[in-house]
Structures are given as C-alpha cells and as structure tokens.
Amino acid sequence: GLKVPEPVPVYEITDGAFWGHHFTPPPQP
C-alpha cells in the first residue's frame, strides 16, 4: 500500500478499485 510521509485529511472514496474487489454481502444467520 501507499506510504505517506505526513498525516492527510479525511476524504471520501468515490472509486474503490482499479480492478477486482467484487463485493459479496455478509453471511446471514
């Protein structure tokens, strides 16, 4: 993962992945 030398402000992620990371909902009881 990216390393950052200084703290950065909080931000909103609008585009989650270059590729992959396909979502599966949590298991149901």
PDB file of all heavy atoms in Angstrom:
ATOM      1  N   GLY A   1       0.813  -1.206   0.000  1.00  0.00           N
ATOM      2  CA  GLY A   1       0.000   0.000   0.000  1.00  0.00           C
ATOM      3  C   GLY A   1       0.851   1.261   0.000  1.00  0.00           C
ATOM      4  O   GLY A   1       2.029   1.247   0.369  1.00  0.00           O
ATOM      5  N   LEU A   2       0.236   2.320  -0.425  1.00  0.00           N
ATOM      6  CA  LEU A   2       0.868   3.628  -0.469  1.00  0.00           C
ATOM      7  C   LEU A   2       1.362   4.037   0.910  1.00  0.00           C
ATOM      8  O   LEU A   2       0.664   3.841   1.911  1.00  0.00           O
ATOM      9  CB  LEU A   2      -0.154   4.641  -0.989  1.00  0.00           C
ATOM     10  CG  LEU A   2       0.279   6.080  -1.150  1.00  0.00           C
ATOM     11  CD1 LEU A   2       1.317   6.198  -2.255  1.00  0.00           C
ATOM     12  CD2 LEU A   2      -0.936   6.945  -1.472  1.00  0.00           C
ATOM     13  N   LYS A   3       2.564   4.599   0.967  1.00  0.00           N
ATOM     14  CA  LYS A   3       3.108   5.151   2.209  1.00  0.00           C
ATOM     15  C   LYS A   3       3.036   6.671   2.100  1.00  0.00           C
ATOM     16  O   LYS A   3       3.323   7.242   1.046  1.00  0.00           O
ATOM     17  CB  LYS A   3       4.563   4.716   2.420  1.00  0.00           C
ATOM     18  CG  LYS A   3       4.786   3.212   2.389  1.00  0.00           C
ATOM     19  CD  LYS A   3       4.160   2.510   3.568  1.00  0.00           C
ATOM     20  CE  LYS A   3       4.605   1.078   3.709  1.00  0.00           C
ATOM     21  NZ  LYS A   3       3.856   0.095   2.986  1.00  0.00           N
ATOM     22  N   VAL A   4       2.639   7.329   3.165  1.00  0.00           N
ATOM     23  CA  VAL A   4       2.541   8.786   3.168  1.00  0.00           C
ATOM     24  C   VAL A   4       3.420   9.338   4.288  1.00  0.00           C
ATOM     25  O   VAL A   4       3.411   8.816   5.402  1.00  0.00           O
ATOM     26  CB  VAL A   4       1.081   9.262   3.325  1.00  0.00           C
ATOM     27  CG1 VAL A   4       0.269   8.933   2.101  1.00  0.00           C
ATOM     28  CG2 VAL A   4       0.442   8.686   4.551  1.00  0.00           C
ATOM     29  N   PRO A   5       4.195  10.391   3.998  1.00  0.00           N
ATOM     30  CA  PRO A   5       5.118  10.915   4.998  1.00  0.00           C
ATOM     31  C   PRO A   5       4.449  11.771   6.082  1.00  0.00           C
ATOM     32  O   PRO A   5       4.980  11.923   7.170  1.00  0.00           O
ATOM     33  CB  PRO A   5       6.092  11.752   4.166  1.00  0.00           C
ATOM     34  CG  PRO A   5       5.314  12.159   2.965  1.00  0.00           C
ATOM     35  CD  PRO A   5       4.344  11.035   2.701  1.00  0.00           C
ATOM     36  N   GLU A   6       3.291  12.316   5.790  1.00  0.00           N
ATOM     37  CA  GLU A   6       2.595  13.227   6.719  1.00  0.00           C
ATOM     38  C   GLU A   6       1.131  12.802   6.823  1.00  0.00           C
ATOM     39  O   GLU A   6       0.584  12.231   5.881  1.00  0.00           O
ATOM     40  CB  GLU A   6       2.640  14.654   6.175  1.00  0.00           C
ATOM     41  CG  GLU A   6       4.023  15.183   5.886  1.00  0.00           C
ATOM     42  CD  GLU A   6       4.699  15.719   7.130  1.00  0.00           C
ATOM     43  OE1 GLU A   6       3.994  16.183   8.036  1.00  0.00           O
ATOM     44  OE2 GLU A   6       5.945  15.657   7.194  1.00  0.00           O
ATOM     45  N   PRO A   7       0.466  13.101   7.951  1.00  0.00           N
ATOM     46  CA  PRO A   7      -0.979  12.834   8.032  1.00  0.00           C
ATOM     47  C   PRO A   7      -1.721  13.593   6.927  1.00  0.00           C
ATOM     48  O   PRO A   7      -1.335  14.693   6.550  1.00  0.00           O
ATOM     49  CB  PRO A   7      -1.366  13.376   9.406  1.00  0.00           C
ATOM     50  CG  PRO A   7      -0.089  13.417  10.178  1.00  0.00           C
ATOM     51  CD  PRO A   7       1.004  13.674   9.167  1.00  0.00           C
ATOM     52  N   VAL A   8      -2.759  12.978   6.391  1.00  0.00           N
ATOM     53  CA  VAL A   8      -3.564  13.615   5.354  1.00  0.00           C
ATOM     54  C   VAL A   8      -4.994  13.752   5.850  1.00  0.00           C
ATOM     55  O   VAL A   8      -5.444  12.988   6.699  1.00  0.00           O
ATOM     56  CB  VAL A   8      -3.535  12.816   4.025  1.00  0.00           C
ATOM     57  CG1 VAL A   8      -2.148  12.832   3.419  1.00  0.00           C
ATOM     58  CG2 VAL A   8      -4.001  11.400   4.228  1.00  0.00           C
ATOM     59  N   PRO A   9      -5.730  14.729   5.326  1.00  0.00           N
ATOM     60  CA  PRO A   9      -7.117  14.908   5.777  1.00  0.00           C
ATOM     61  C   PRO A   9      -8.007  13.735   5.401  1.00  0.00           C
ATOM     62  O   PRO A   9      -7.713  12.990   4.466  1.00  0.00           O
ATOM     63  CB  PRO A   9      -7.575  16.171   5.056  1.00  0.00           C
ATOM     64  CG  PRO A   9      -6.473  16.598   4.167  1.00  0.00           C
ATOM     65  CD  PRO A   9      -5.314  15.683   4.341  1.00  0.00           C
ATOM     66  N   VAL A  10      -9.099  13.594   6.117  1.00  0.00           N
ATOM     67  CA  VAL A  10     -10.107  12.589   5.807  1.00  0.00           C
ATOM     68  C   VAL A  10     -10.736  12.948   4.466  1.00  0.00           C
ATOM     69  O   VAL A  10     -10.906  14.104   4.134  1.00  0.00           O
ATOM     70  CB  VAL A  10     -11.175  12.561   6.928  1.00  0.00           C
ATOM     71  CG1 VAL A  10     -12.297  11.613   6.573  1.00  0.00           C
ATOM     72  CG2 VAL A  10     -10.541  12.178   8.240  1.00  0.00           C
ATOM     73  N   TYR A  11     -11.089  11.954   3.693  1.00  0.00           N
ATOM     74  CA  TYR A  11     -11.669  12.185   2.387  1.00  0.00           C
ATOM     75  C   TYR A  11     -12.685  11.099   2.091  1.00  0.00           C
ATOM     76  O   TYR A  11     -12.751  10.084   2.760  1.00  0.00           O
ATOM     77  CB  TYR A  11     -10.582  12.201   1.305  1.00  0.00           C
ATOM     78  CG  TYR A  11      -9.843  10.893   1.245  1.00  0.00           C
ATOM     79  CD1 TYR A  11     -10.256   9.887   0.382  1.00  0.00           C
ATOM     80  CD2 TYR A  11      -8.763  10.645   2.082  1.00  0.00           C
ATOM     81  CE1 TYR A  11      -9.612   8.670   0.348  1.00  0.00           C
ATOM     82  CE2 TYR A  11      -8.110   9.425   2.044  1.00  0.00           C
ATOM     83  CZ  TYR A  11      -8.535   8.449   1.183  1.00  0.00           C
ATOM     84  OH  TYR A  11      -7.896   7.244   1.155  1.00  0.00           O
ATOM     85  N   GLU A  12     -13.460  11.315   1.058  1.00  0.00           N
ATOM     86  CA  GLU A  12     -14.460  10.339   0.630  1.00  0.00           C
ATOM     87  C   GLU A  12     -13.923   9.564  -0.563  1.00  0.00           C
ATOM     88  O   GLU A  12     -13.377  10.145  -1.498  1.00  0.00           O
ATOM     89  CB  GLU A  12     -15.738  11.065   0.236  1.00  0.00           C
ATOM     90  CG  GLU A  12     -16.853  10.131  -0.192  1.00  0.00           C
ATOM     91  CD  GLU A  12     -18.122  10.875  -0.544  1.00  0.00           C
ATOM     92  OE1 GLU A  12     -18.210  12.070  -0.248  1.00  0.00           O
ATOM     93  OE2 GLU A  12     -19.014  10.250  -1.119  1.00  0.00           O
ATOM     94  N   ILE A  13     -14.074   8.245  -0.522  1.00  0.00           N
ATOM     95  CA  ILE A  13     -13.654   7.410  -1.643  1.00  0.00           C
ATOM     96  C   ILE A  13     -14.823   7.323  -2.619  1.00  0.00           C
ATOM     97  O   ILE A  13     -15.911   6.911  -2.262  1.00  0.00           O
ATOM     98  CB  ILE A  13     -13.258   5.996  -1.163  1.00  0.00           C
ATOM     99  CG1 ILE A  13     -12.086   6.083  -0.192  1.00  0.00           C
ATOM    100  CG2 ILE A  13     -12.920   5.103  -2.350  1.00  0.00           C
ATOM    101  CD1 ILE A  13     -11.778   4.776   0.499  1.00  0.00           C
ATOM    102  N   THR A  14     -14.583   7.726  -3.860  1.00  0.00           N
ATOM    103  CA  THR A  14     -15.656   7.698  -4.853  1.00  0.00           C
ATOM    104  C   THR A  14     -15.474   6.597  -5.884  1.00  0.00           C
ATOM    105  O   THR A  14     -16.413   6.229  -6.574  1.00  0.00           O
ATOM    106  CB  THR A  14     -15.755   9.055  -5.577  1.00  0.00           C
ATOM    107  OG1 THR A  14     -14.490   9.358  -6.174  1.00  0.00           O
ATOM    108  CG2 THR A  14     -16.142  10.164  -4.598  1.00  0.00           C
ATOM    109  N   ASP A  15     -14.255   6.074  -6.027  1.00  0.00           N
ATOM    110  CA  ASP A  15     -13.988   4.989  -6.970  1.00  0.00           C
ATOM    111  C   ASP A  15     -13.068   4.007  -6.265  1.00  0.00           C
ATOM    112  O   ASP A  15     -11.899   4.290  -6.049  1.00  0.00           O
ATOM    113  CB  ASP A  15     -13.341   5.538  -8.236  1.00  0.00           C
ATOM    114  CG  ASP A  15     -13.303   4.523  -9.362  1.00  0.00           C
ATOM    115  OD1 ASP A  15     -14.009   3.502  -9.268  1.00  0.00           O
ATOM    116  OD2 ASP A  15     -12.562   4.751 -10.326  1.00  0.00           O
ATOM    117  N   GLY A  16     -13.592   2.843  -5.884  1.00  0.00           N
ATOM    118  CA  GLY A  16     -12.895   1.960  -4.969  1.00  0.00           C
ATOM    119  C   GLY A  16     -11.755   1.130  -5.511  1.00  0.00           C
ATOM    120  O   GLY A  16     -10.841   0.813  -4.782  1.00  0.00           O
ATOM    121  N   ALA A  17     -11.759   0.750  -6.792  1.00  0.00           N
ATOM    122  CA  ALA A  17     -10.736  -0.189  -7.245  1.00  0.00           C
ATOM    123  C   ALA A  17     -10.373   0.047  -8.703  1.00  0.00           C
ATOM    124  O   ALA A  17     -11.220   0.390  -9.521  1.00  0.00           O
ATOM    125  CB  ALA A  17     -11.228  -1.624  -7.075  1.00  0.00           C
ATOM    126  N   PHE A  18      -9.083  -0.148  -8.998  1.00  0.00           N
ATOM    127  CA  PHE A  18      -8.637  -0.191 -10.389  1.00  0.00           C
ATOM    128  C   PHE A  18      -9.149  -1.464 -11.045  1.00  0.00           C
ATOM    129  O   PHE A  18      -9.505  -1.480 -12.211  1.00  0.00           O
ATOM    130  CB  PHE A  18      -7.103  -0.188 -10.469  1.00  0.00           C
ATOM    131  CG  PHE A  18      -6.473   1.122 -10.122  1.00  0.00           C
ATOM    132  CD1 PHE A  18      -5.685   1.243  -8.989  1.00  0.00           C
ATOM    133  CD2 PHE A  18      -6.657   2.236 -10.929  1.00  0.00           C
ATOM    134  CE1 PHE A  18      -5.082   2.444  -8.676  1.00  0.00           C
ATOM    135  CE2 PHE A  18      -6.056   3.449 -10.618  1.00  0.00           C
ATOM    136  CZ  PHE A  18      -5.269   3.546  -9.486  1.00  0.00           C
ATOM    137  N   TRP A  19      -9.139  -2.548 -10.286  1.00  0.00           N
ATOM    138  CA  TRP A  19      -9.625  -3.853 -10.755  1.00  0.00           C
ATOM    139  C   TRP A  19      -9.988  -4.695  -9.537  1.00  0.00           C
ATOM    140  O   TRP A  19      -9.535  -4.443  -8.427  1.00  0.00           O
ATOM    141  CB  TRP A  19      -8.590  -4.556 -11.627  1.00  0.00           C
ATOM    142  CG  TRP A  19      -7.221  -4.692 -11.023  1.00  0.00           C
ATOM    143  CD1 TRP A  19      -6.175  -3.835 -11.147  1.00  0.00           C
ATOM    144  CD2 TRP A  19      -6.755  -5.748 -10.167  1.00  0.00           C
ATOM    145  NE1 TRP A  19      -5.095  -4.291 -10.439  1.00  0.00           N
ATOM    146  CE2 TRP A  19      -5.424  -5.469  -9.827  1.00  0.00           C
ATOM    147  CE3 TRP A  19      -7.338  -6.911  -9.660  1.00  0.00           C
ATOM    148  CZ2 TRP A  19      -4.665  -6.292  -9.007  1.00  0.00           C
ATOM    149  CZ3 TRP A  19      -6.570  -7.727  -8.836  1.00  0.00           C
ATOM    150  CH2 TRP A  19      -5.251  -7.427  -8.525  1.00  0.00           C
ATOM    151  N   GLY A  20     -10.833  -5.680  -9.736  1.00  0.00           N
ATOM    152  CA  GLY A  20     -11.203  -6.608  -8.673  1.00  0.00           C
ATOM    153  C   GLY A  20     -12.052  -5.978  -7.584  1.00  0.00           C
ATOM    154  O   GLY A  20     -12.804  -5.040  -7.821  1.00  0.00           O
ATOM    155  N   HIS A  21     -11.927  -6.528  -6.374  1.00  0.00           N
ATOM    156  CA  HIS A  21     -12.705  -6.119  -5.196  1.00  0.00           C
ATOM    157  C   HIS A  21     -14.215  -6.234  -5.429  1.00  0.00           C
ATOM    158  O   HIS A  21     -14.982  -5.366  -5.040  1.00  0.00           O
ATOM    159  CB  HIS A  21     -12.344  -4.711  -4.724  1.00  0.00           C
ATOM    160  CG  HIS A  21     -11.018  -4.628  -4.042  1.00  0.00           C
ATOM    161  ND1 HIS A  21     -10.636  -5.490  -3.043  1.00  0.00           N
ATOM    162  CD2 HIS A  21      -9.979  -3.794  -4.221  1.00  0.00           C
ATOM    163  CE1 HIS A  21      -9.419  -5.178  -2.635  1.00  0.00           C
ATOM    164  NE2 HIS A  21      -8.989  -4.168  -3.335  1.00  0.00           N
ATOM    165  N   HIS A  22     -14.643  -7.315  -6.041  1.00  0.00           N
ATOM    166  CA  HIS A  22     -16.068  -7.545  -6.240  1.00  0.00           C
ATOM    167  C   HIS A  22     -16.688  -7.948  -4.902  1.00  0.00           C
ATOM    168  O   HIS A  22     -16.180  -8.808  -4.199  1.00  0.00           O
ATOM    169  CB  HIS A  22     -16.294  -8.620  -7.310  1.00  0.00           C
ATOM    170  CG  HIS A  22     -15.672  -8.234  -8.611  1.00  0.00           C
ATOM    171  ND1 HIS A  22     -16.160  -7.221  -9.407  1.00  0.00           N
ATOM    172  CD2 HIS A  22     -14.565  -8.709  -9.239  1.00  0.00           C
ATOM    173  CE1 HIS A  22     -15.384  -7.090 -10.471  1.00  0.00           C
ATOM    174  NE2 HIS A  22     -14.422  -7.978 -10.394  1.00  0.00           N
ATOM    175  N   PHE A  23     -17.794  -7.320  -4.565  1.00  0.00           N
ATOM    176  CA  PHE A  23     -18.428  -7.432  -3.249  1.00  0.00           C
ATOM    177  C   PHE A  23     -19.348  -8.640  -3.128  1.00  0.00           C
ATOM    178  O   PHE A  23     -20.079  -8.973  -4.052  1.00  0.00           O
ATOM    179  CB  PHE A  23     -19.236  -6.163  -2.973  1.00  0.00           C
ATOM    180  CG  PHE A  23     -19.959  -6.169  -1.667  1.00  0.00           C
ATOM    181  CD1 PHE A  23     -19.289  -5.990  -0.474  1.00  0.00           C
ATOM    182  CD2 PHE A  23     -21.336  -6.370  -1.624  1.00  0.00           C
ATOM    183  CE1 PHE A  23     -19.951  -5.990   0.730  1.00  0.00           C
ATOM    184  CE2 PHE A  23     -22.013  -6.376  -0.420  1.00  0.00           C
ATOM    185  CZ  PHE A  23     -21.317  -6.191   0.758  1.00  0.00           C
ATOM    186  N   THR A  24     -19.321  -9.273  -1.947  1.00  0.00           N
ATOM    187  CA  THR A  24     -20.264 -10.315  -1.550  1.00  0.00           C
ATOM    188  C   THR A  24     -20.870  -9.907  -0.217  1.00  0.00           C
ATOM    189  O   THR A  24     -20.114  -9.598   0.722  1.00  0.00           O
ATOM    190  CB  THR A  24     -19.558 -11.675  -1.394  1.00  0.00           C
ATOM    191  OG1 THR A  24     -18.939 -12.030  -2.618  1.00  0.00           O
ATOM    192  CG2 THR A  24     -20.534 -12.757  -0.975  1.00  0.00           C
ATOM    193  N   PRO A  25     -22.202  -9.867  -0.081  1.00  0.00           N
ATOM    194  CA  PRO A  25     -22.831  -9.466   1.182  1.00  0.00           C
ATOM    195  C   PRO A  25     -22.437 -10.417   2.322  1.00  0.00           C
ATOM    196  O   PRO A  25     -22.010 -11.556   2.084  1.00  0.00           O
ATOM    197  CB  PRO A  25     -24.329  -9.575   0.904  1.00  0.00           C
ATOM    198  CG  PRO A  25     -24.457  -9.617  -0.572  1.00  0.00           C
ATOM    199  CD  PRO A  25     -23.180 -10.174  -1.113  1.00  0.00           C
ATOM    200  N   PRO A  26     -22.591  -9.954   3.573  1.00  0.00           N
ATOM    201  CA  PRO A  26     -22.230 -10.804   4.709  1.00  0.00           C
ATOM    202  C   PRO A  26     -23.127 -12.032   4.804  1.00  0.00           C
ATOM    203  O   PRO A  26     -24.265 -12.023   4.344  1.00  0.00           O
ATOM    204  CB  PRO A  26     -22.423  -9.911   5.926  1.00  0.00           C
ATOM    205  CG  PRO A  26     -23.358  -8.847   5.489  1.00  0.00           C
ATOM    206  CD  PRO A  26     -23.143  -8.680   4.002  1.00  0.00           C
ATOM    207  N   PRO A  27     -22.586 -13.093   5.407  1.00  0.00           N
ATOM    208  CA  PRO A  27     -23.407 -14.293   5.619  1.00  0.00           C
ATOM    209  C   PRO A  27     -24.609 -13.958   6.509  1.00  0.00           C
ATOM    210  O   PRO A  27     -24.506 -13.130   7.416  1.00  0.00           O
ATOM    211  CB  PRO A  27     -22.477 -15.265   6.328  1.00  0.00           C
ATOM    212  CG  PRO A  27     -21.115 -14.693   6.225  1.00  0.00           C
ATOM    213  CD  PRO A  27     -21.254 -13.245   5.939  1.00  0.00           C
ATOM    214  N   GLN A  28     -25.724 -14.585   6.226  1.00  0.00           N
ATOM    215  CA  GLN A  28     -26.922 -14.400   7.043  1.00  0.00           C
ATOM    216  C   GLN A  28     -27.028 -15.505   8.088  1.00  0.00           C
ATOM    217  O   GLN A  28     -26.677 -16.655   7.809  1.00  0.00           O
ATOM    218  CB  GLN A  28     -28.179 -14.392   6.146  1.00  0.00           C
ATOM    219  CG  GLN A  28     -28.179 -13.262   5.137  1.00  0.00           C
ATOM    220  CD  GLN A  28     -28.119 -11.909   5.789  1.00  0.00           C
ATOM    221  OE1 GLN A  28     -28.864 -11.590   6.700  1.00  0.00           O
ATOM    222  NE2 GLN A  28     -27.184 -11.084   5.333  1.00  0.00           N
ATOM    223  N   PRO A  29     -27.500 -15.145   9.279  1.00  0.00           N
ATOM    224  CA  PRO A  29     -27.648 -16.192  10.309  1.00  0.00           C
ATOM    225  C   PRO A  29     -28.625 -17.271   9.878  1.00  0.00           C
ATOM    226  O   PRO A  29     -29.591 -17.001   9.148  1.00  0.00           O
ATOM    227  CB  PRO A  29     -28.170 -15.434  11.532  1.00  0.00           C
ATOM    228  CG  PRO A  29     -28.423 -14.047  11.117  1.00  0.00           C
ATOM    229  CD  PRO A  29     -27.942 -13.850   9.712  1.00  0.00           C
TER     230      PRO A  29
END
